[in-house]
N, C-alpha and C. Protein backbone atom coordinates (compact mmCIF):
# COMPACT_ATOMS: atom_id res chain seq x y z
N MET A 1 295.41 -151.33 94.48
CA MET A 1 294.56 -150.97 93.43
C MET A 1 295.33 -150.70 92.20
N THR A 2 295.04 -151.14 91.06
CA THR A 2 295.88 -150.43 90.05
C THR A 2 294.39 -149.20 89.77
N ARG A 3 295.46 -148.68 88.65
CA ARG A 3 294.44 -147.62 87.99
C ARG A 3 293.79 -147.90 86.97
N ALA A 4 294.11 -149.38 86.27
CA ALA A 4 293.14 -149.50 85.51
C ALA A 4 292.03 -150.52 86.19
N GLN A 5 292.07 -150.92 87.47
CA GLN A 5 291.15 -151.60 88.27
C GLN A 5 290.15 -150.49 88.77
N PHE A 6 290.97 -149.58 88.88
CA PHE A 6 290.17 -148.27 89.42
C PHE A 6 289.44 -147.60 88.54
N GLU A 7 289.86 -147.76 87.29
CA GLU A 7 289.11 -147.12 86.06
C GLU A 7 287.85 -147.78 85.99
N GLN A 8 287.85 -149.37 85.97
CA GLN A 8 286.87 -150.13 85.67
C GLN A 8 285.85 -149.84 87.09
N GLU A 9 286.36 -149.64 88.01
CA GLU A 9 285.13 -149.69 89.06
C GLU A 9 284.51 -148.24 88.75
N VAL A 10 285.21 -147.46 88.79
CA VAL A 10 284.32 -146.14 88.48
C VAL A 10 283.39 -146.44 87.24
N ARG A 11 283.92 -147.12 86.19
CA ARG A 11 282.58 -147.28 84.82
C ARG A 11 282.00 -147.83 85.23
N ILE A 12 281.86 -148.74 86.33
CA ILE A 12 280.70 -150.06 86.47
C ILE A 12 280.13 -149.21 87.80
N ASN A 13 280.60 -147.87 88.64
CA ASN A 13 279.47 -147.37 89.31
C ASN A 13 279.14 -145.68 89.22
N GLN A 14 279.84 -145.56 88.16
CA GLN A 14 279.53 -143.65 87.64
C GLN A 14 277.98 -143.72 87.64
N GLU A 15 277.12 -144.60 87.10
CA GLU A 15 275.47 -144.19 86.51
C GLU A 15 274.77 -144.41 88.06
N PRO A 16 275.22 -145.55 88.87
CA PRO A 16 274.26 -145.52 89.81
C PRO A 16 274.36 -144.50 91.15
N LEU A 17 276.02 -144.20 90.93
CA LEU A 17 276.52 -143.00 92.35
C LEU A 17 275.97 -141.49 91.64
N ARG A 18 275.97 -141.32 90.23
CA ARG A 18 275.28 -140.26 89.74
C ARG A 18 273.83 -139.85 90.03
N ARG A 19 273.08 -141.44 89.79
CA ARG A 19 271.79 -141.21 90.22
C ARG A 19 271.22 -141.12 91.06
N PHE A 20 272.21 -141.45 92.24
CA PHE A 20 271.81 -141.37 93.70
C PHE A 20 272.07 -139.94 94.30
N LEU A 21 273.23 -139.66 93.47
CA LEU A 21 273.21 -137.78 93.97
C LEU A 21 272.54 -137.13 93.26
N LEU A 22 272.05 -137.15 92.40
CA LEU A 22 270.77 -136.59 91.29
C LEU A 22 269.83 -136.46 92.13
N ASN A 23 269.47 -137.62 93.16
CA ASN A 23 268.16 -137.96 93.71
C ASN A 23 268.09 -136.95 94.90
N LEU A 24 269.56 -136.99 95.45
CA LEU A 24 269.45 -136.29 97.07
C LEU A 24 269.58 -135.13 96.67
N CYS A 25 270.14 -134.27 95.74
CA CYS A 25 270.25 -133.25 94.88
C CYS A 25 269.00 -132.58 94.23
N SER A 26 267.74 -133.52 94.92
CA SER A 26 266.52 -132.92 94.16
C SER A 26 266.56 -132.47 92.71
N GLY A 27 267.45 -133.48 91.80
CA GLY A 27 266.94 -133.05 90.54
C GLY A 27 267.87 -131.97 90.01
N ASN A 28 268.70 -131.58 90.92
CA ASN A 28 269.91 -130.46 90.65
C ASN A 28 270.96 -131.35 89.62
N SER A 29 271.00 -131.21 88.54
CA SER A 29 272.13 -131.96 88.06
C SER A 29 273.47 -131.40 88.05
N ALA A 30 273.53 -129.97 87.76
CA ALA A 30 274.97 -129.35 87.67
C ALA A 30 275.35 -129.91 89.14
N LEU A 31 274.90 -129.48 90.44
CA LEU A 31 275.12 -129.78 91.80
C LEU A 31 275.83 -130.94 91.76
N SER A 32 274.89 -132.16 91.41
CA SER A 32 275.22 -133.66 91.53
C SER A 32 276.36 -133.85 90.86
N ASP A 33 276.62 -133.35 89.65
CA ASP A 33 277.82 -133.66 89.01
C ASP A 33 278.86 -133.09 89.44
N ASP A 34 278.72 -132.34 90.09
CA ASP A 34 280.05 -131.63 90.93
C ASP A 34 280.47 -132.25 92.28
N ILE A 35 279.29 -132.72 92.78
CA ILE A 35 279.83 -133.52 94.04
C ILE A 35 280.13 -135.04 93.70
N ALA A 36 279.45 -135.80 92.45
CA ALA A 36 280.12 -136.87 91.67
C ALA A 36 281.76 -136.79 91.54
N GLN A 37 281.79 -135.73 90.79
CA GLN A 37 283.23 -135.62 90.76
C GLN A 37 284.07 -135.18 91.46
N GLU A 38 283.90 -134.35 92.53
CA GLU A 38 284.57 -134.32 94.16
C GLU A 38 284.70 -135.92 94.40
N ALA A 39 283.46 -136.56 94.30
CA ALA A 39 283.80 -137.97 95.42
C ALA A 39 284.97 -138.65 94.31
N PHE A 40 284.75 -138.78 92.93
CA PHE A 40 285.98 -139.44 92.30
C PHE A 40 287.11 -139.05 92.45
N ILE A 41 287.25 -137.66 92.71
CA ILE A 41 288.89 -137.20 92.79
C ILE A 41 289.38 -137.80 94.46
N LYS A 42 288.21 -137.59 94.90
CA LYS A 42 288.97 -137.86 96.80
C LYS A 42 288.88 -139.73 96.33
N ALA A 43 288.13 -139.99 95.80
CA ALA A 43 288.28 -141.76 95.77
C ALA A 43 289.63 -141.98 95.36
N TYR A 44 290.14 -141.37 94.24
CA TYR A 44 291.18 -141.57 93.63
C TYR A 44 292.30 -141.17 94.18
N MET A 45 292.39 -139.84 94.77
CA MET A 45 293.14 -139.28 95.69
C MET A 45 293.64 -140.42 97.04
N ASN A 46 292.48 -140.94 97.38
CA ASN A 46 292.71 -141.93 98.73
C ASN A 46 292.42 -143.46 98.67
N ILE A 47 292.87 -143.43 97.18
CA ILE A 47 292.34 -145.16 97.24
C ILE A 47 293.53 -146.15 98.04
N GLY A 48 294.78 -145.79 98.30
CA GLY A 48 295.39 -146.60 99.36
C GLY A 48 295.02 -147.08 100.43
N SER A 49 293.52 -145.83 100.93
CA SER A 49 292.97 -146.07 102.14
C SER A 49 292.09 -147.16 101.61
N PHE A 50 291.51 -147.42 100.92
CA PHE A 50 290.60 -148.90 100.51
C PHE A 50 291.09 -150.08 100.70
N ALA A 51 290.84 -150.81 102.00
CA ALA A 51 291.39 -151.75 102.63
C ALA A 51 290.70 -152.92 101.76
N GLY A 52 289.27 -152.85 101.17
CA GLY A 52 288.94 -154.16 100.53
C GLY A 52 287.87 -155.10 101.35
N MET A 53 287.59 -154.45 102.77
CA MET A 53 286.99 -154.75 103.86
C MET A 53 285.39 -154.43 103.26
N SER A 54 285.10 -153.70 102.33
CA SER A 54 283.51 -153.59 101.86
C SER A 54 283.99 -153.79 100.58
N LYS A 55 282.65 -153.55 100.01
CA LYS A 55 282.57 -153.43 98.32
C LYS A 55 283.41 -152.29 97.92
N PHE A 56 283.74 -152.19 96.73
CA PHE A 56 284.00 -150.63 96.17
C PHE A 56 283.14 -149.89 96.23
N SER A 57 281.87 -150.45 96.05
CA SER A 57 280.87 -149.45 95.63
C SER A 57 280.46 -148.37 96.59
N THR A 58 280.54 -149.53 97.45
CA THR A 58 279.93 -149.14 99.36
C THR A 58 280.90 -147.78 99.76
N TRP A 59 282.25 -148.12 99.57
CA TRP A 59 283.43 -147.14 99.86
C TRP A 59 282.97 -145.59 99.19
N LEU A 60 282.70 -146.07 97.88
CA LEU A 60 282.72 -144.95 97.03
C LEU A 60 281.26 -144.35 97.26
N PHE A 61 280.28 -144.74 97.29
CA PHE A 61 279.26 -144.14 98.02
C PHE A 61 279.19 -143.53 99.08
N ARG A 62 280.28 -143.99 99.89
CA ARG A 62 280.15 -143.19 101.24
C ARG A 62 281.25 -142.03 101.19
N ILE A 63 281.81 -142.00 100.05
CA ILE A 63 283.03 -140.70 100.03
C ILE A 63 281.74 -139.88 99.31
N ALA A 64 280.82 -140.22 98.39
CA ALA A 64 280.03 -139.24 97.65
C ALA A 64 278.81 -138.75 98.69
N TYR A 65 278.36 -139.71 99.58
CA TYR A 65 277.53 -139.04 100.83
C TYR A 65 277.98 -138.40 101.47
N ASN A 66 279.58 -138.38 101.86
CA ASN A 66 280.55 -137.31 102.72
C ASN A 66 280.45 -136.14 101.89
N CYS A 67 280.62 -136.22 100.79
CA CYS A 67 280.62 -134.90 99.87
C CYS A 67 279.69 -134.11 99.85
N PHE A 68 278.54 -134.85 99.60
CA PHE A 68 276.72 -134.19 99.60
C PHE A 68 276.80 -133.73 101.25
N CYS A 69 277.19 -134.37 101.98
CA CYS A 69 276.54 -133.82 103.72
C CYS A 69 277.60 -132.36 104.00
N ASP A 70 279.08 -132.72 103.27
CA ASP A 70 279.93 -131.50 103.47
C ASP A 70 279.40 -130.32 102.61
N HIS A 71 278.71 -130.42 101.44
CA HIS A 71 278.37 -129.34 100.75
C HIS A 71 277.15 -128.55 101.20
N LYS A 72 276.65 -129.91 101.67
CA LYS A 72 274.94 -129.35 102.57
C LYS A 72 274.88 -128.14 103.89
N ARG A 73 276.76 -128.44 104.42
CA ARG A 73 277.17 -127.74 105.25
C ARG A 73 277.51 -126.53 105.07
N LYS A 74 278.30 -126.44 103.92
CA LYS A 74 279.17 -125.31 103.80
C LYS A 74 277.82 -124.40 103.06
N THR A 75 277.23 -124.71 102.47
CA THR A 75 275.86 -123.81 101.98
C THR A 75 275.21 -123.49 102.88
N GLU A 76 274.81 -123.79 104.11
CA GLU A 76 273.88 -123.73 105.05
C GLU A 76 272.48 -123.86 105.02
N ARG A 77 272.50 -124.86 103.91
CA ARG A 77 271.00 -125.05 103.56
C ARG A 77 270.74 -126.32 103.92
N PHE A 78 271.21 -127.17 104.91
CA PHE A 78 270.92 -128.54 104.69
C PHE A 78 269.48 -128.83 104.98
N ASP A 79 268.26 -128.04 105.38
CA ASP A 79 267.25 -128.43 105.55
C ASP A 79 266.37 -127.81 104.47
N SER A 80 266.82 -127.15 103.53
CA SER A 80 266.11 -126.25 102.51
C SER A 80 266.22 -126.90 101.48
N VAL A 81 266.46 -127.60 101.24
CA VAL A 81 266.67 -127.89 99.71
C VAL A 81 265.00 -128.80 98.96
N GLU A 82 264.92 -127.43 98.11
CA GLU A 82 263.52 -127.87 97.61
C GLU A 82 263.42 -129.16 96.52
N ILE A 83 262.62 -129.52 96.80
CA ILE A 83 261.96 -130.87 95.39
C ILE A 83 261.83 -130.58 94.00
N SER A 84 262.26 -130.84 93.49
CA SER A 84 262.11 -130.75 91.77
C SER A 84 260.99 -131.27 91.46
N ASN A 85 260.54 -131.06 89.90
CA ASN A 85 259.43 -131.88 89.65
C ASN A 85 259.59 -133.17 89.37
N THR A 86 261.16 -133.35 89.11
CA THR A 86 261.30 -135.12 88.66
C THR A 86 262.38 -135.81 89.69
N LEU A 87 262.30 -136.97 89.62
CA LEU A 87 262.97 -137.98 90.54
C LEU A 87 263.39 -138.76 89.50
N HIS A 88 264.73 -138.99 89.28
CA HIS A 88 265.13 -139.26 88.00
C HIS A 88 265.58 -140.81 88.49
N TYR A 89 264.86 -142.05 87.66
CA TYR A 89 265.05 -143.46 88.05
C TYR A 89 266.53 -143.65 87.38
N SER A 90 267.09 -143.24 86.53
CA SER A 90 268.34 -143.52 85.60
C SER A 90 268.26 -142.24 84.87
N MET A 91 269.73 -142.22 84.55
CA MET A 91 269.87 -141.00 83.31
C MET A 91 269.12 -140.87 82.65
N ASP A 92 269.13 -142.18 81.65
CA ASP A 92 268.43 -142.07 80.29
C ASP A 92 267.00 -142.78 80.25
N ASP A 93 266.35 -143.35 81.40
CA ASP A 93 265.28 -143.75 81.56
C ASP A 93 263.76 -142.65 81.83
N THR A 94 263.21 -142.11 80.71
CA THR A 94 262.25 -141.26 80.93
C THR A 94 260.95 -142.00 81.46
N ASP A 95 260.84 -142.92 80.58
CA ASP A 95 259.82 -143.99 81.41
C ASP A 95 259.80 -144.32 83.07
N GLY A 96 261.19 -143.86 83.19
CA GLY A 96 261.19 -144.38 84.76
C GLY A 96 261.22 -143.72 85.96
N ARG A 97 260.83 -142.49 85.24
CA ARG A 97 261.10 -141.21 86.47
C ARG A 97 259.39 -141.77 87.17
N PHE A 98 259.40 -140.93 88.70
CA PHE A 98 257.49 -141.25 88.91
C PHE A 98 256.70 -140.55 88.02
N LYS A 99 255.57 -141.24 87.80
CA LYS A 99 254.71 -140.14 87.17
C LYS A 99 253.82 -139.94 87.73
N ASN A 100 253.73 -139.94 88.92
CA ASN A 100 252.79 -139.22 89.87
C ASN A 100 253.42 -137.97 91.18
N GLN A 101 252.88 -137.31 90.87
CA GLN A 101 253.62 -136.19 91.46
C GLN A 101 253.45 -136.23 93.21
N GLU A 102 252.21 -136.95 93.86
CA GLU A 102 251.85 -136.85 95.00
C GLU A 102 252.95 -137.82 95.56
N LEU A 103 253.53 -139.18 94.81
CA LEU A 103 254.63 -140.00 95.23
C LEU A 103 255.85 -138.98 95.16
N TYR A 104 256.56 -138.11 94.40
CA TYR A 104 257.23 -137.26 94.42
C TYR A 104 257.60 -136.41 95.62
N MET A 105 256.13 -135.81 95.68
CA MET A 105 256.19 -135.09 97.13
C MET A 105 256.22 -135.79 98.52
N ALA A 106 255.79 -137.04 98.28
CA ALA A 106 256.07 -137.79 99.44
C ALA A 106 257.41 -138.26 99.83
N LEU A 107 258.27 -138.36 98.77
CA LEU A 107 259.53 -138.23 99.27
C LEU A 107 260.10 -137.09 99.85
N GLY A 108 259.61 -136.10 99.03
CA GLY A 108 260.20 -134.74 99.54
C GLY A 108 259.67 -134.19 101.34
N ARG A 109 258.59 -134.92 101.43
CA ARG A 109 258.29 -134.83 103.37
C ARG A 109 259.22 -135.37 104.28
N LEU A 110 260.09 -136.25 103.74
CA LEU A 110 261.01 -137.27 104.12
C LEU A 110 262.41 -136.48 104.72
N GLY A 111 262.58 -136.74 106.05
CA GLY A 111 263.85 -136.49 106.83
C GLY A 111 265.42 -136.39 105.65
N GLU A 112 266.30 -135.90 105.78
CA GLU A 112 267.73 -136.39 104.99
C GLU A 112 267.90 -137.70 105.19
N ASN A 113 267.70 -138.38 106.65
CA ASN A 113 268.18 -139.75 106.62
C ASN A 113 267.57 -141.20 106.10
N GLU A 114 265.63 -140.93 106.43
CA GLU A 114 264.93 -141.51 105.84
C GLU A 114 265.12 -141.35 104.12
N LYS A 115 265.05 -140.20 103.90
CA LYS A 115 264.91 -140.19 102.30
C LYS A 115 266.35 -140.80 101.51
N THR A 116 267.57 -140.68 102.20
CA THR A 116 269.02 -141.55 101.68
C THR A 116 268.53 -142.85 102.03
N CYS A 117 267.94 -143.26 102.90
CA CYS A 117 268.08 -144.88 102.99
C CYS A 117 267.08 -145.53 101.96
N ILE A 118 266.07 -144.90 101.81
CA ILE A 118 264.66 -144.77 100.77
C ILE A 118 265.57 -145.29 99.33
N LEU A 119 266.32 -144.22 98.94
CA LEU A 119 266.55 -144.12 97.85
C LEU A 119 267.82 -145.11 97.38
N LEU A 120 268.46 -145.19 98.71
CA LEU A 120 269.66 -146.33 98.56
C LEU A 120 268.89 -147.66 98.55
N PHE A 121 268.16 -147.87 99.34
CA PHE A 121 267.56 -149.51 99.34
C PHE A 121 266.49 -149.66 98.15
N TYR A 122 265.84 -148.73 97.77
CA TYR A 122 264.89 -148.88 96.79
C TYR A 122 265.47 -149.19 95.13
N MET A 123 266.20 -147.44 95.15
CA MET A 123 266.30 -147.07 93.72
C MET A 123 268.28 -147.95 93.54
N GLU A 124 268.70 -147.80 94.54
CA GLU A 124 269.82 -148.51 94.13
C GLU A 124 270.75 -149.80 94.74
N ASP A 125 269.27 -150.48 94.99
CA ASP A 125 269.49 -151.90 95.50
C ASP A 125 270.50 -152.10 96.35
N LYS A 126 270.73 -151.46 97.28
CA LYS A 126 271.62 -151.57 98.49
C LYS A 126 271.07 -152.14 99.64
N SER A 127 271.95 -153.19 100.19
CA SER A 127 271.64 -154.02 101.45
C SER A 127 271.61 -152.91 102.83
N ILE A 128 270.82 -153.52 103.71
CA ILE A 128 270.93 -152.89 105.00
C ILE A 128 272.30 -152.39 105.30
N LYS A 129 273.36 -153.47 105.30
CA LYS A 129 274.64 -153.39 105.76
C LYS A 129 275.07 -152.20 104.81
N GLU A 130 275.46 -152.56 103.72
CA GLU A 130 275.62 -151.42 102.59
C GLU A 130 275.34 -149.88 103.12
N ILE A 131 273.65 -149.83 103.59
CA ILE A 131 272.94 -148.54 103.17
C ILE A 131 274.12 -147.71 105.30
N ALA A 132 274.45 -148.85 106.23
CA ALA A 132 274.77 -148.33 107.17
C ALA A 132 276.33 -147.84 106.90
N ALA A 133 276.53 -149.03 105.97
CA ALA A 133 278.22 -148.55 105.90
C ALA A 133 278.37 -147.39 105.17
N ILE A 134 277.54 -146.82 103.95
CA ILE A 134 277.33 -145.55 103.34
C ILE A 134 277.33 -144.37 104.21
N THR A 135 276.45 -144.72 105.10
CA THR A 135 275.74 -143.01 105.93
C THR A 135 276.44 -143.19 107.40
N GLY A 136 277.12 -144.09 107.50
CA GLY A 136 277.05 -144.27 109.06
C GLY A 136 276.33 -144.47 110.57
N ILE A 137 275.27 -145.03 109.63
CA ILE A 137 274.31 -145.18 110.77
C ILE A 137 274.29 -146.87 110.94
N LYS A 138 273.67 -147.12 111.83
CA LYS A 138 273.98 -148.24 112.55
C LYS A 138 272.49 -149.21 111.82
N GLU A 139 272.70 -150.66 111.59
CA GLU A 139 271.76 -150.97 110.98
C GLU A 139 270.35 -151.14 111.44
N ASN A 140 270.49 -151.31 112.74
CA ASN A 140 269.11 -151.22 113.49
C ASN A 140 268.42 -149.80 112.96
N THR A 141 269.46 -148.95 112.97
CA THR A 141 268.43 -147.46 112.70
C THR A 141 268.38 -147.46 111.36
N VAL A 142 269.13 -147.82 110.61
CA VAL A 142 268.56 -147.79 108.57
C VAL A 142 267.15 -148.74 108.83
N LYS A 143 266.96 -150.13 109.38
CA LYS A 143 265.78 -150.62 109.27
C LYS A 143 264.51 -149.62 109.60
N SER A 144 264.74 -148.86 110.72
CA SER A 144 264.13 -148.32 111.56
C SER A 144 263.59 -146.77 110.58
N HIS A 145 264.67 -146.39 110.05
CA HIS A 145 264.51 -145.22 109.08
C HIS A 145 263.72 -145.74 107.96
N LEU A 146 263.91 -146.98 107.26
CA LEU A 146 262.92 -147.10 106.46
C LEU A 146 261.76 -147.72 106.35
N SER A 147 261.78 -148.23 107.74
CA SER A 147 259.88 -148.54 108.04
C SER A 147 259.34 -147.39 108.05
N ARG A 148 259.85 -146.42 108.97
CA ARG A 148 259.01 -145.07 109.20
C ARG A 148 259.14 -144.36 107.57
N ALA A 149 259.96 -144.36 106.81
CA ALA A 149 259.49 -143.59 105.61
C ALA A 149 258.31 -143.92 104.83
N LYS A 150 258.63 -145.73 104.84
CA LYS A 150 257.48 -146.05 104.21
C LYS A 150 256.29 -145.80 104.71
N ALA A 151 255.99 -146.04 106.26
CA ALA A 151 255.10 -145.54 106.46
C ALA A 151 254.96 -143.83 106.48
N ASN A 152 255.49 -143.41 106.17
CA ASN A 152 254.91 -141.83 106.04
C ASN A 152 254.94 -141.60 104.48
N ILE A 153 255.48 -142.16 104.14
CA ILE A 153 254.89 -142.24 102.54
C ILE A 153 253.65 -142.79 102.42
N SER A 154 253.32 -143.93 102.97
CA SER A 154 251.95 -144.64 102.62
C SER A 154 250.72 -143.57 103.19
N GLU A 155 251.27 -142.79 104.22
CA GLU A 155 250.19 -141.97 105.19
C GLU A 155 249.94 -140.72 104.21
N TYR A 156 251.23 -140.37 103.82
CA TYR A 156 250.93 -139.26 102.75
C TYR A 156 249.98 -139.72 101.43
N LEU A 157 250.38 -140.37 101.14
CA LEU A 157 249.58 -140.90 99.67
C LEU A 157 247.95 -140.96 99.93
N LYS A 158 247.87 -141.73 101.25
CA LYS A 158 246.49 -142.03 101.59
C LYS A 158 245.87 -140.65 102.16
N HIS A 159 246.62 -139.65 102.59
CA HIS A 159 245.85 -138.55 102.89
C HIS A 159 245.47 -137.59 101.54
N THR A 160 246.31 -137.94 100.44
CA THR A 160 246.32 -137.03 99.43
C THR A 160 245.45 -137.64 98.33
N GLY A 161 244.89 -138.97 98.52
CA GLY A 161 243.65 -139.83 97.97
C GLY A 161 244.45 -140.65 96.79
N TYR A 162 245.84 -140.61 97.00
CA TYR A 162 246.69 -141.41 96.04
C TYR A 162 246.04 -143.10 96.30
N GLU A 163 246.08 -143.41 94.80
CA GLU A 163 245.31 -144.79 94.63
C GLU A 163 246.27 -145.59 93.35
N ARG A 164 246.91 -146.66 94.02
CA ARG A 164 247.76 -147.44 92.92
C ARG A 164 246.97 -147.87 91.64
N SER A 165 247.30 -147.66 90.71
CA SER A 165 247.08 -147.88 89.38
C SER A 165 246.87 -149.50 88.59
């Protein structure tokens, strides 16, 4: 892959990757930007290892997810990230945010794997196969995480009296 091709791929994948990391970081934009920058640098430094066996975006998201997990391990706060008040659907779309606090809080009650799978599947339109490649989880396990996450969100929303509008 040439430098120009790499730059083009980064332009295409920059916003979805930053959005994914922003949601993983519970709205902490400074942290998500730091992790995104680290992921882009690692991708550039290791471009020779991209064999084209998957989409470039899958490879890049995997690097970013690994950077996120590394950060969590380093700070020893893997399970203590608190939910901020806003989940961003996109960087520039204020109408795309969850308007219902209960729905956002339901996401916060999910485990890291469930939350990651839900974010990748519903917000980044990644396939089961791509999610498995990004997270290193088997496809059937991804399906289980999605199913369990949907059930947990549904149960939480029913418990809090949430009704669709």
